[in-house]
Every structure is written in C-alpha cells, then in structure tokens.
Amino acid sequence: MDINEVHRIAKLSRLELSASEAVAVLPQLEAVFALVEQMQAVNTDQIEPLSHPILFIEDLAEPLRVDACTESNAREQNMANAPAQAEGYFLVPRVIE
C-alpha cells in the first residue's frame, strides 16, 4: 500500500485528507489490512456458522423468550394512560408547521 492508495480510499470514502493526515493514516490502514489477511488465512471449512454467537458465551447468554402473542388487544388500557386521544389514537402536539 502506498500514499496514492490512501488518497484513493479517502476519496471513495468522501474524506478530505491533507498530505500529513494521509501519511499518518497509511500505517493504520496497513495494520487493518494485515489483520484482515490473518483472519482470511484461518481455515473455517469445518466450522459451523453461528446464527447468534452471543448465545454461546455462557456469561453473556440470555435465554430467548418464545415469540408468542401474550395480549391480544390492550388499546383501551394504553389509551387510559394517554394525556390526549381521539377515536382510539394518541394526540400529540404539532411539531412541524
């Protein structure tokens, strides 16, 4: 990677970099790309993809609840808490004229 690549990436990212900023960013980008190369080198052919990796970290895993409807219609209960309502809808102050 060279300074021209840094300017090309900056342009694609719609970033304006001065010459000194580009020089400072160059080693950072090289480090990122080196890390990506290391990750791509890992053989994952025999690894099953995880649908939700956090579930496999026991300290962080939360049990998932069943996705089921528990209350069929709570409109009246919700409307009882509304400061203003009309015909079953919440009334809110106008914010755009």
PDB file of N, CA and C in Angstrom:
ATOM      1  N   MET A   1       0.850  -1.170   0.000  1.00  0.00           N
ATOM      2  CA  MET A   1       0.000   0.000   0.000  1.00  0.00           C
ATOM      3  C   MET A   1       0.897   1.234   0.000  1.00  0.00           C
ATOM      4  N   ASP A   2       0.467   2.239  -0.726  1.00  0.00           N
ATOM      5  CA  ASP A   2       1.235   3.484  -0.761  1.00  0.00           C
ATOM      6  C   ASP A   2       0.300   4.669  -0.517  1.00  0.00           C
ATOM      7  N   ILE A   3       0.872   5.849  -0.533  1.00  0.00           N
ATOM      8  CA  ILE A   3       0.115   7.065  -0.220  1.00  0.00           C
ATOM      9  C   ILE A   3      -0.995   7.324  -1.245  1.00  0.00           C
ATOM     10  N   ASN A   4      -0.766   6.901  -2.502  1.00  0.00           N
ATOM     11  CA  ASN A   4      -1.800   7.072  -3.530  1.00  0.00           C
ATOM     12  C   ASN A   4      -3.035   6.231  -3.210  1.00  0.00           C
ATOM     13  N   GLU A   5      -2.807   5.024  -2.685  1.00  0.00           N
ATOM     14  CA  GLU A   5      -3.929   4.180  -2.280  1.00  0.00           C
ATOM     15  C   GLU A   5      -4.708   4.821  -1.134  1.00  0.00           C
ATOM     16  N   VAL A   6      -3.996   5.438  -0.207  1.00  0.00           N
ATOM     17  CA  VAL A   6      -4.657   6.120   0.908  1.00  0.00           C
ATOM     18  C   VAL A   6      -5.558   7.229   0.373  1.00  0.00           C
ATOM     19  N   HIS A   7      -5.056   8.005  -0.567  1.00  0.00           N
ATOM     20  CA  HIS A   7      -5.864   9.089  -1.143  1.00  0.00           C
ATOM     21  C   HIS A   7      -7.051   8.528  -1.924  1.00  0.00           C
ATOM     22  N   ARG A   8      -6.859   7.397  -2.615  1.00  0.00           N
ATOM     23  CA  ARG A   8      -7.952   6.776  -3.362  1.00  0.00           C
ATOM     24  C   ARG A   8      -9.040   6.288  -2.400  1.00  0.00           C
ATOM     25  N   ILE A   9      -8.631   5.639  -1.320  1.00  0.00           N
ATOM     26  CA  ILE A   9      -9.597   5.156  -0.327  1.00  0.00           C
ATOM     27  C   ILE A   9     -10.314   6.333   0.331  1.00  0.00           C
ATOM     28  N   ALA A  10      -9.584   7.385   0.622  1.00  0.00           N
ATOM     29  CA  ALA A  10     -10.195   8.579   1.215  1.00  0.00           C
ATOM     30  C   ALA A  10     -11.227   9.182   0.266  1.00  0.00           C
ATOM     31  N   LYS A  11     -10.888   9.220  -1.008  1.00  0.00           N
ATOM     32  CA  LYS A  11     -11.824   9.778  -1.996  1.00  0.00           C
ATOM     33  C   LYS A  11     -13.081   8.914  -2.085  1.00  0.00           C
ATOM     34  N   LEU A  12     -12.906   7.586  -2.104  1.00  0.00           N
ATOM     35  CA  LEU A  12     -14.060   6.690  -2.147  1.00  0.00           C
ATOM     36  C   LEU A  12     -14.920   6.834  -0.894  1.00  0.00           C
ATOM     37  N   SER A  13     -14.280   7.161   0.215  1.00  0.00           N
ATOM     38  CA  SER A  13     -14.984   7.349   1.485  1.00  0.00           C
ATOM     39  C   SER A  13     -15.506   8.767   1.652  1.00  0.00           C
ATOM     40  N   ARG A  14     -15.253   9.586   0.657  1.00  0.00           N
ATOM     41  CA  ARG A  14     -15.634  11.002   0.684  1.00  0.00           C
ATOM     42  C   ARG A  14     -15.026  11.721   1.880  1.00  0.00           C
ATOM     43  N   LEU A  15     -13.736  11.441   2.104  1.00  0.00           N
ATOM     44  CA  LEU A  15     -12.976  12.104   3.160  1.00  0.00           C
ATOM     45  C   LEU A  15     -11.919  12.991   2.535  1.00  0.00           C
ATOM     46  N   GLU A  16     -11.716  14.136   3.117  1.00  0.00           N
ATOM     47  CA  GLU A  16     -10.637  15.014   2.678  1.00  0.00           C
ATOM     48  C   GLU A  16      -9.477  14.848   3.647  1.00  0.00           C
ATOM     49  N   LEU A  17      -8.352  14.332   3.141  1.00  0.00           N
ATOM     50  CA  LEU A  17      -7.164  14.158   3.966  1.00  0.00           C
ATOM     51  C   LEU A  17      -6.054  15.060   3.454  1.00  0.00           C
ATOM     52  N   SER A  18      -5.424  15.752   4.363  1.00  0.00           N
ATOM     53  CA  SER A  18      -4.240  16.522   3.985  1.00  0.00           C
ATOM     54  C   SER A  18      -3.099  15.531   3.775  1.00  0.00           C
ATOM     55  N   ALA A  19      -1.995  16.003   3.226  1.00  0.00           N
ATOM     56  CA  ALA A  19      -0.840  15.134   2.984  1.00  0.00           C
ATOM     57  C   ALA A  19      -0.331  14.539   4.293  1.00  0.00           C
ATOM     58  N   SER A  20      -0.277  15.347   5.340  1.00  0.00           N
ATOM     59  CA  SER A  20       0.221  14.839   6.624  1.00  0.00           C
ATOM     60  C   SER A  20      -0.757  13.829   7.241  1.00  0.00           C
ATOM     61  N   GLU A  21      -2.056  14.051   7.066  1.00  0.00           N
ATOM     62  CA  GLU A  21      -3.041  13.094   7.572  1.00  0.00           C
ATOM     63  C   GLU A  21      -2.937  11.770   6.829  1.00  0.00           C
ATOM     64  N   ALA A  22      -2.736  11.850   5.514  1.00  0.00           N
ATOM     65  CA  ALA A  22      -2.602  10.633   4.714  1.00  0.00           C
ATOM     66  C   ALA A  22      -1.381   9.832   5.147  1.00  0.00           C
ATOM     67  N   VAL A  23      -0.288  10.521   5.424  1.00  0.00           N
ATOM     68  CA  VAL A  23       0.927   9.843   5.891  1.00  0.00           C
ATOM     69  C   VAL A  23       0.664   9.175   7.243  1.00  0.00           C
ATOM     70  N   ALA A  24      -0.093   9.824   8.109  1.00  0.00           N
ATOM     71  CA  ALA A  24      -0.398   9.269   9.430  1.00  0.00           C
ATOM     72  C   ALA A  24      -1.346   8.075   9.332  1.00  0.00           C
ATOM     73  N   VAL A  25      -2.247   8.095   8.365  1.00  0.00           N
ATOM     74  CA  VAL A  25      -3.238   7.034   8.213  1.00  0.00           C
ATOM     75  C   VAL A  25      -2.639   5.787   7.555  1.00  0.00           C
ATOM     76  N   LEU A  26      -1.616   5.958   6.748  1.00  0.00           N
ATOM     77  CA  LEU A  26      -1.036   4.843   5.999  1.00  0.00           C
ATOM     78  C   LEU A  26      -0.679   3.655   6.891  1.00  0.00           C
ATOM     79  N   PRO A  27       0.100   3.811   7.962  1.00  0.00           N
ATOM     80  CA  PRO A  27       0.416   2.629   8.778  1.00  0.00           C
ATOM     81  C   PRO A  27      -0.811   2.030   9.480  1.00  0.00           C
ATOM     82  N   GLN A  28      -1.798   2.862   9.778  1.00  0.00           N
ATOM     83  CA  GLN A  28      -3.016   2.350  10.408  1.00  0.00           C
ATOM     84  C   GLN A  28      -3.786   1.461   9.433  1.00  0.00           C
ATOM     85  N   LEU A  29      -3.897   1.916   8.187  1.00  0.00           N
ATOM     86  CA  LEU A  29      -4.573   1.105   7.175  1.00  0.00           C
ATOM     87  C   LEU A  29      -3.807  -0.179   6.908  1.00  0.00           C
ATOM     88  N   GLU A  30      -2.491  -0.094   6.864  1.00  0.00           N
ATOM     89  CA  GLU A  30      -1.678  -1.293   6.651  1.00  0.00           C
ATOM     90  C   GLU A  30      -1.914  -2.300   7.773  1.00  0.00           C
ATOM     91  N   ALA A  31      -2.034  -1.823   9.006  1.00  0.00           N
ATOM     92  CA  ALA A  31      -2.285  -2.717  10.143  1.00  0.00           C
ATOM     93  C   ALA A  31      -3.659  -3.374  10.027  1.00  0.00           C
ATOM     94  N   VAL A  32      -4.653  -2.609   9.597  1.00  0.00           N
ATOM     95  CA  VAL A  32      -6.000  -3.161   9.430  1.00  0.00           C
ATOM     96  C   VAL A  32      -5.990  -4.234   8.352  1.00  0.00           C
ATOM     97  N   PHE A  33      -5.360  -3.944   7.216  1.00  0.00           N
ATOM     98  CA  PHE A  33      -5.325  -4.916   6.126  1.00  0.00           C
ATOM     99  C   PHE A  33      -4.511  -6.149   6.502  1.00  0.00           C
ATOM    100  N   ALA A  34      -3.475  -5.985   7.305  1.00  0.00           N
ATOM    101  CA  ALA A  34      -2.698  -7.136   7.775  1.00  0.00           C
ATOM    102  C   ALA A  34      -3.565  -8.025   8.666  1.00  0.00           C
ATOM    103  N   LEU A  35      -4.370  -7.421   9.513  1.00  0.00           N
ATOM    104  CA  LEU A  35      -5.269  -8.189  10.373  1.00  0.00           C
ATOM    105  C   LEU A  35      -6.308  -8.933   9.536  1.00  0.00           C
ATOM    106  N   VAL A  36      -6.836  -8.279   8.520  1.00  0.00           N
ATOM    107  CA  VAL A  36      -7.814  -8.926   7.637  1.00  0.00           C
ATOM    108  C   VAL A  36      -7.167 -10.114   6.937  1.00  0.00           C
ATOM    109  N   GLU A  37      -5.938  -9.969   6.476  1.00  0.00           N
ATOM    110  CA  GLU A  37      -5.233 -11.080   5.834  1.00  0.00           C
ATOM    111  C   GLU A  37      -5.062 -12.247   6.794  1.00  0.00           C
ATOM    112  N   GLN A  38      -4.741 -11.964   8.055  1.00  0.00           N
ATOM    113  CA  GLN A  38      -4.605 -13.029   9.050  1.00  0.00           C
ATOM    114  C   GLN A  38      -5.931 -13.759   9.249  1.00  0.00           C
ATOM    115  N   MET A  39      -7.009 -13.010   9.315  1.00  0.00           N
ATOM    116  CA  MET A  39      -8.321 -13.634   9.512  1.00  0.00           C
ATOM    117  C   MET A  39      -8.722 -14.462   8.297  1.00  0.00           C
ATOM    118  N   GLN A  40      -8.397 -13.980   7.095  1.00  0.00           N
ATOM    119  CA  GLN A  40      -8.739 -14.724   5.890  1.00  0.00           C
ATOM    120  C   GLN A  40      -7.917 -15.998   5.760  1.00  0.00           C
ATOM    121  N   ALA A  41      -6.754 -16.047   6.389  1.00  0.00           N
ATOM    122  CA  ALA A  41      -5.892 -17.222   6.313  1.00  0.00           C
ATOM    123  C   ALA A  41      -6.389 -18.366   7.191  1.00  0.00           C
ATOM    124  N   VAL A  42      -7.277 -18.091   8.125  1.00  0.00           N
ATOM    125  CA  VAL A  42      -7.791 -19.129   9.018  1.00  0.00           C
ATOM    126  C   VAL A  42      -8.738 -20.033   8.242  1.00  0.00           C
ATOM    127  N   ASN A  43      -8.513 -21.349   8.344  1.00  0.00           N
ATOM    128  CA  ASN A  43      -9.357 -22.322   7.665  1.00  0.00           C
ATOM    129  C   ASN A  43     -10.625 -22.536   8.485  1.00  0.00           C
ATOM    130  N   THR A  44     -11.749 -22.139   7.941  1.00  0.00           N
ATOM    131  CA  THR A  44     -13.033 -22.269   8.640  1.00  0.00           C
ATOM    132  C   THR A  44     -13.970 -23.244   7.928  1.00  0.00           C
ATOM    133  N   ASP A  45     -13.411 -24.092   7.057  1.00  0.00           N
ATOM    134  CA  ASP A  45     -14.252 -25.018   6.286  1.00  0.00           C
ATOM    135  C   ASP A  45     -15.056 -25.962   7.175  1.00  0.00           C
ATOM    136  N   GLN A  46     -14.476 -26.409   8.276  1.00  0.00           N
ATOM    137  CA  GLN A  46     -15.145 -27.376   9.149  1.00  0.00           C
ATOM    138  C   GLN A  46     -15.888 -26.710  10.309  1.00  0.00           C
ATOM    139  N   ILE A  47     -15.981 -25.395  10.292  1.00  0.00           N
ATOM    140  CA  ILE A  47     -16.636 -24.661  11.371  1.00  0.00           C
ATOM    141  C   ILE A  47     -18.078 -24.358  10.981  1.00  0.00           C
ATOM    142  N   GLU A  48     -18.991 -24.733  11.852  1.00  0.00           N
ATOM    143  CA  GLU A  48     -20.410 -24.458  11.613  1.00  0.00           C
ATOM    144  C   GLU A  48     -20.690 -22.981  11.882  1.00  0.00           C
ATOM    145  N   PRO A  49     -21.359 -22.283  10.965  1.00  0.00           N
ATOM    146  CA  PRO A  49     -21.679 -20.867  11.209  1.00  0.00           C
ATOM    147  C   PRO A  49     -22.603 -20.724  12.418  1.00  0.00           C
ATOM    148  N   LEU A  50     -22.423 -19.643  13.146  1.00  0.00           N
ATOM    149  CA  LEU A  50     -23.259 -19.369  14.312  1.00  0.00           C
ATOM    150  C   LEU A  50     -24.361 -18.396  13.923  1.00  0.00           C
ATOM    151  N   SER A  51     -25.588 -18.745  14.252  1.00  0.00           N
ATOM    152  CA  SER A  51     -26.688 -17.834  13.930  1.00  0.00           C
ATOM    153  C   SER A  51     -26.711 -16.654  14.882  1.00  0.00           C
ATOM    154  N   HIS A  52     -26.264 -16.890  16.116  1.00  0.00           N
ATOM    155  CA  HIS A  52     -26.250 -15.822  17.114  1.00  0.00           C
ATOM    156  C   HIS A  52     -25.113 -16.117  18.081  1.00  0.00           C
ATOM    157  N   PRO A  53     -23.877 -15.684  17.767  1.00  0.00           N
ATOM    158  CA  PRO A  53     -22.698 -16.067  18.557  1.00  0.00           C
ATOM    159  C   PRO A  53     -22.795 -15.760  20.044  1.00  0.00           C
ATOM    160  N   ILE A  54     -23.496 -14.728  20.436  1.00  0.00           N
ATOM    161  CA  ILE A  54     -23.548 -14.357  21.854  1.00  0.00           C
ATOM    162  C   ILE A  54     -24.196 -15.459  22.694  1.00  0.00           C
ATOM    163  N   LEU A  55     -25.031 -16.289  22.075  1.00  0.00           N
ATOM    164  CA  LEU A  55     -25.680 -17.369  22.808  1.00  0.00           C
ATOM    165  C   LEU A  55     -24.687 -18.416  23.293  1.00  0.00           C
ATOM    166  N   PHE A  56     -23.512 -18.462  22.667  1.00  0.00           N
ATOM    167  CA  PHE A  56     -22.531 -19.473  23.022  1.00  0.00           C
ATOM    168  C   PHE A  56     -21.516 -18.966  24.038  1.00  0.00           C
ATOM    169  N   ILE A  57     -21.643 -17.739  24.470  1.00  0.00           N
ATOM    170  CA  ILE A  57     -20.801 -17.196  25.538  1.00  0.00           C
ATOM    171  C   ILE A  57     -21.653 -17.256  26.800  1.00  0.00           C
ATOM    172  N   GLU A  58     -21.397 -18.249  27.637  1.00  0.00           N
ATOM    173  CA  GLU A  58     -22.293 -18.528  28.764  1.00  0.00           C
ATOM    174  C   GLU A  58     -22.506 -17.337  29.686  1.00  0.00           C
ATOM    175  N   ASP A  59     -21.468 -16.542  29.914  1.00  0.00           N
ATOM    176  CA  ASP A  59     -21.612 -15.409  30.833  1.00  0.00           C
ATOM    177  C   ASP A  59     -22.529 -14.321  30.289  1.00  0.00           C
ATOM    178  N   LEU A  60     -22.644 -14.242  28.968  1.00  0.00           N
ATOM    179  CA  LEU A  60     -23.441 -13.179  28.355  1.00  0.00           C
ATOM    180  C   LEU A  60     -24.781 -13.664  27.822  1.00  0.00           C
ATOM    181  N   ALA A  61     -24.937 -14.978  27.700  1.00  0.00           N
ATOM    182  CA  ALA A  61     -26.127 -15.520  27.051  1.00  0.00           C
ATOM    183  C   ALA A  61     -27.376 -15.259  27.885  1.00  0.00           C
ATOM    184  N   GLU A  62     -28.387 -14.799  27.230  1.00  0.00           N
ATOM    185  CA  GLU A  62     -29.697 -14.600  27.840  1.00  0.00           C
ATOM    186  C   GLU A  62     -30.631 -15.625  27.202  1.00  0.00           C
ATOM    187  N   PRO A  63     -31.466 -16.266  27.980  1.00  0.00           N
ATOM    188  CA  PRO A  63     -32.406 -17.202  27.363  1.00  0.00           C
ATOM    189  C   PRO A  63     -33.388 -16.439  26.484  1.00  0.00           C
ATOM    190  N   LEU A  64     -33.660 -16.989  25.324  1.00  0.00           N
ATOM    191  CA  LEU A  64     -34.602 -16.341  24.414  1.00  0.00           C
ATOM    192  C   LEU A  64     -36.024 -16.685  24.832  1.00  0.00           C
ATOM    193  N   ARG A  65     -36.897 -15.711  24.765  1.00  0.00           N
ATOM    194  CA  ARG A  65     -38.288 -15.967  25.102  1.00  0.00           C
ATOM    195  C   ARG A  65     -39.010 -16.482  23.863  1.00  0.00           C
ATOM    196  N   VAL A  66     -40.094 -17.151  24.087  1.00  0.00           N
ATOM    197  CA  VAL A  66     -40.904 -17.646  22.991  1.00  0.00           C
ATOM    198  C   VAL A  66     -41.550 -16.447  22.307  1.00  0.00           C
ATOM    199  N   ASP A  67     -41.518 -16.429  20.998  1.00  0.00           N
ATOM    200  CA  ASP A  67     -42.113 -15.335  20.244  1.00  0.00           C
ATOM    201  C   ASP A  67     -43.604 -15.623  20.079  1.00  0.00           C
ATOM    202  N   ALA A  68     -44.367 -15.257  21.083  1.00  0.00           N
ATOM    203  CA  ALA A  68     -45.796 -15.536  21.064  1.00  0.00           C
ATOM    204  C   ALA A  68     -46.558 -14.304  21.528  1.00  0.00           C
ATOM    205  N   CYS A  69     -47.737 -14.137  20.970  1.00  0.00           N
ATOM    206  CA  CYS A  69     -48.606 -13.032  21.365  1.00  0.00           C
ATOM    207  C   CYS A  69     -49.189 -13.343  22.739  1.00  0.00           C
ATOM    208  N   THR A  70     -48.978 -12.440  23.681  1.00  0.00           N
ATOM    209  CA  THR A  70     -49.472 -12.685  25.037  1.00  0.00           C
ATOM    210  C   THR A  70     -50.723 -11.871  25.345  1.00  0.00           C
ATOM    211  N   GLU A  71     -50.883 -10.741  24.694  1.00  0.00           N
ATOM    212  CA  GLU A  71     -52.072  -9.916  24.889  1.00  0.00           C
ATOM    213  C   GLU A  71     -52.638  -9.589  23.518  1.00  0.00           C
ATOM    214  N   SER A  72     -53.905  -9.864  23.330  1.00  0.00           N
ATOM    215  CA  SER A  72     -54.472  -9.669  22.001  1.00  0.00           C
ATOM    216  C   SER A  72     -54.739  -8.203  21.679  1.00  0.00           C
ATOM    217  N   ASN A  73     -55.268  -7.448  22.635  1.00  0.00           N
ATOM    218  CA  ASN A  73     -55.570  -6.055  22.359  1.00  0.00           C
ATOM    219  C   ASN A  73     -55.557  -5.274  23.675  1.00  0.00           C
ATOM    220  N   ALA A  74     -54.607  -4.379  23.793  1.00  0.00           N
ATOM    221  CA  ALA A  74     -54.501  -3.581  25.013  1.00  0.00           C
ATOM    222  C   ALA A  74     -54.776  -2.110  24.717  1.00  0.00           C
ATOM    223  N   ARG A  75     -55.535  -1.840  23.657  1.00  0.00           N
ATOM    224  CA  ARG A  75     -55.769  -0.458  23.248  1.00  0.00           C
ATOM    225  C   ARG A  75     -56.433   0.358  24.350  1.00  0.00           C
ATOM    226  N   GLU A  76     -57.460  -0.161  24.953  1.00  0.00           N
ATOM    227  CA  GLU A  76     -58.160   0.602  25.997  1.00  0.00           C
ATOM    228  C   GLU A  76     -57.238   0.891  27.173  1.00  0.00           C
ATOM    229  N   GLN A  77     -56.447  -0.106  27.549  1.00  0.00           N
ATOM    230  CA  GLN A  77     -55.504   0.070  28.655  1.00  0.00           C
ATOM    231  C   GLN A  77     -54.453   1.126  28.301  1.00  0.00           C
ATOM    232  N   ASN A  78     -53.954   1.095  27.066  1.00  0.00           N
ATOM    233  CA  ASN A  78     -52.965   2.087  26.627  1.00  0.00           C
ATOM    234  C   ASN A  78     -53.580   3.480  26.526  1.00  0.00           C
ATOM    235  N   MET A  79     -54.791   3.556  26.031  1.00  0.00           N
ATOM    236  CA  MET A  79     -55.448   4.854  25.879  1.00  0.00           C
ATOM    237  C   MET A  79     -55.751   5.487  27.237  1.00  0.00           C
ATOM    238  N   ALA A  80     -55.927   4.669  28.263  1.00  0.00           N
ATOM    239  CA  ALA A  80     -56.210   5.203  29.595  1.00  0.00           C
ATOM    240  C   ALA A  80     -55.034   6.025  30.113  1.00  0.00           C
ATOM    241  N   ASN A  81     -53.840   5.748  29.634  1.00  0.00           N
ATOM    242  CA  ASN A  81     -52.646   6.478  30.071  1.00  0.00           C
ATOM    243  C   ASN A  81     -52.338   7.693  29.198  1.00  0.00           C
ATOM    244  N   ALA A  82     -53.069   7.850  28.109  1.00  0.00           N
ATOM    245  CA  ALA A  82     -52.771   8.930  27.168  1.00  0.00           C
ATOM    246  C   ALA A  82     -53.303  10.257  27.684  1.00  0.00           C
ATOM    247  N   PRO A  83     -52.486  11.313  27.643  1.00  0.00           N
ATOM    248  CA  PRO A  83     -52.974  12.621  28.068  1.00  0.00           C
ATOM    249  C   PRO A  83     -54.022  13.187  27.111  1.00  0.00           C
ATOM    250  N   ALA A  84     -53.934  12.813  25.826  1.00  0.00           N
ATOM    251  CA  ALA A  84     -54.919  13.284  24.843  1.00  0.00           C
ATOM    252  C   ALA A  84     -55.135  12.175  23.820  1.00  0.00           C
ATOM    253  N   GLN A  85     -56.400  11.982  23.438  1.00  0.00           N
ATOM    254  CA  GLN A  85     -56.720  10.935  22.476  1.00  0.00           C
ATOM    255  C   GLN A  85     -57.969  11.318  21.704  1.00  0.00           C
ATOM    256  N   ALA A  86     -58.118  10.688  20.547  1.00  0.00           N
ATOM    257  CA  ALA A  86     -59.321  10.882  19.744  1.00  0.00           C
ATOM    258  C   ALA A  86     -59.517   9.650  18.873  1.00  0.00           C
ATOM    259  N   GLU A  87     -60.699   9.073  18.922  1.00  0.00           N
ATOM    260  CA  GLU A  87     -61.081   7.927  18.105  1.00  0.00           C
ATOM    261  C   GLU A  87     -60.078   6.773  18.202  1.00  0.00           C
ATOM    262  N   GLY A  88     -59.540   6.546  19.384  1.00  0.00           N
ATOM    263  CA  GLY A  88     -58.622   5.429  19.587  1.00  0.00           C
ATOM    264  C   GLY A  88     -57.183   5.698  19.190  1.00  0.00           C
ATOM    265  N   TYR A  89     -56.845   6.948  18.921  1.00  0.00           N
ATOM    266  CA  TYR A  89     -55.477   7.315  18.542  1.00  0.00           C
ATOM    267  C   TYR A  89     -54.918   8.316  19.541  1.00  0.00           C
ATOM    268  N   PHE A  90     -53.595   8.276  19.715  1.00  0.00           N
ATOM    269  CA  PHE A  90     -52.923   9.255  20.562  1.00  0.00           C
ATOM    270  C   PHE A  90     -52.888  10.595  19.848  1.00  0.00           C
ATOM    271  N   LEU A  91     -53.158  11.661  20.563  1.00  0.00           N
ATOM    272  CA  LEU A  91     -52.990  13.006  20.024  1.00  0.00           C
ATOM    273  C   LEU A  91     -51.698  13.571  20.590  1.00  0.00           C
ATOM    274  N   VAL A  92     -50.889  14.115  19.698  1.00  0.00           N
ATOM    275  CA  VAL A  92     -49.607  14.686  20.124  1.00  0.00           C
ATOM    276  C   VAL A  92     -49.519  16.121  19.627  1.00  0.00           C
ATOM    277  N   PRO A  93     -48.712  16.947  20.286  1.00  0.00           N
ATOM    278  CA  PRO A  93     -48.570  18.327  19.823  1.00  0.00           C
ATOM    279  C   PRO A  93     -47.943  18.378  18.431  1.00  0.00           C
ATOM    280  N   ARG A  94     -48.381  19.352  17.662  1.00  0.00           N
ATOM    281  CA  ARG A  94     -47.816  19.544  16.328  1.00  0.00           C
ATOM    282  C   ARG A  94     -46.382  20.043  16.475  1.00  0.00           C
ATOM    283  N   VAL A  95     -45.452  19.411  15.757  1.00  0.00           N
ATOM    284  CA  VAL A  95     -44.049  19.829  15.827  1.00  0.00           C
ATOM    285  C   VAL A  95     -43.568  20.426  14.513  1.00  0.00           C
ATOM    286  N   ILE A  96     -44.302  20.187  13.439  1.00  0.00           N
ATOM    287  CA  ILE A  96     -43.948  20.754  12.133  1.00  0.00           C
ATOM    288  C   ILE A  96     -45.125  21.579  11.652  1.00  0.00           C
ATOM    289  N   GLU A  97     -44.861  22.821  11.337  1.00  0.00           N
ATOM    290  CA  GLU A  97     -45.930  23.708  10.867  1.00  0.00           C
ATOM    291  C   GLU A  97     -46.115  23.563   9.379  1.00  0.00           C
TER     292      GLU A  97
END
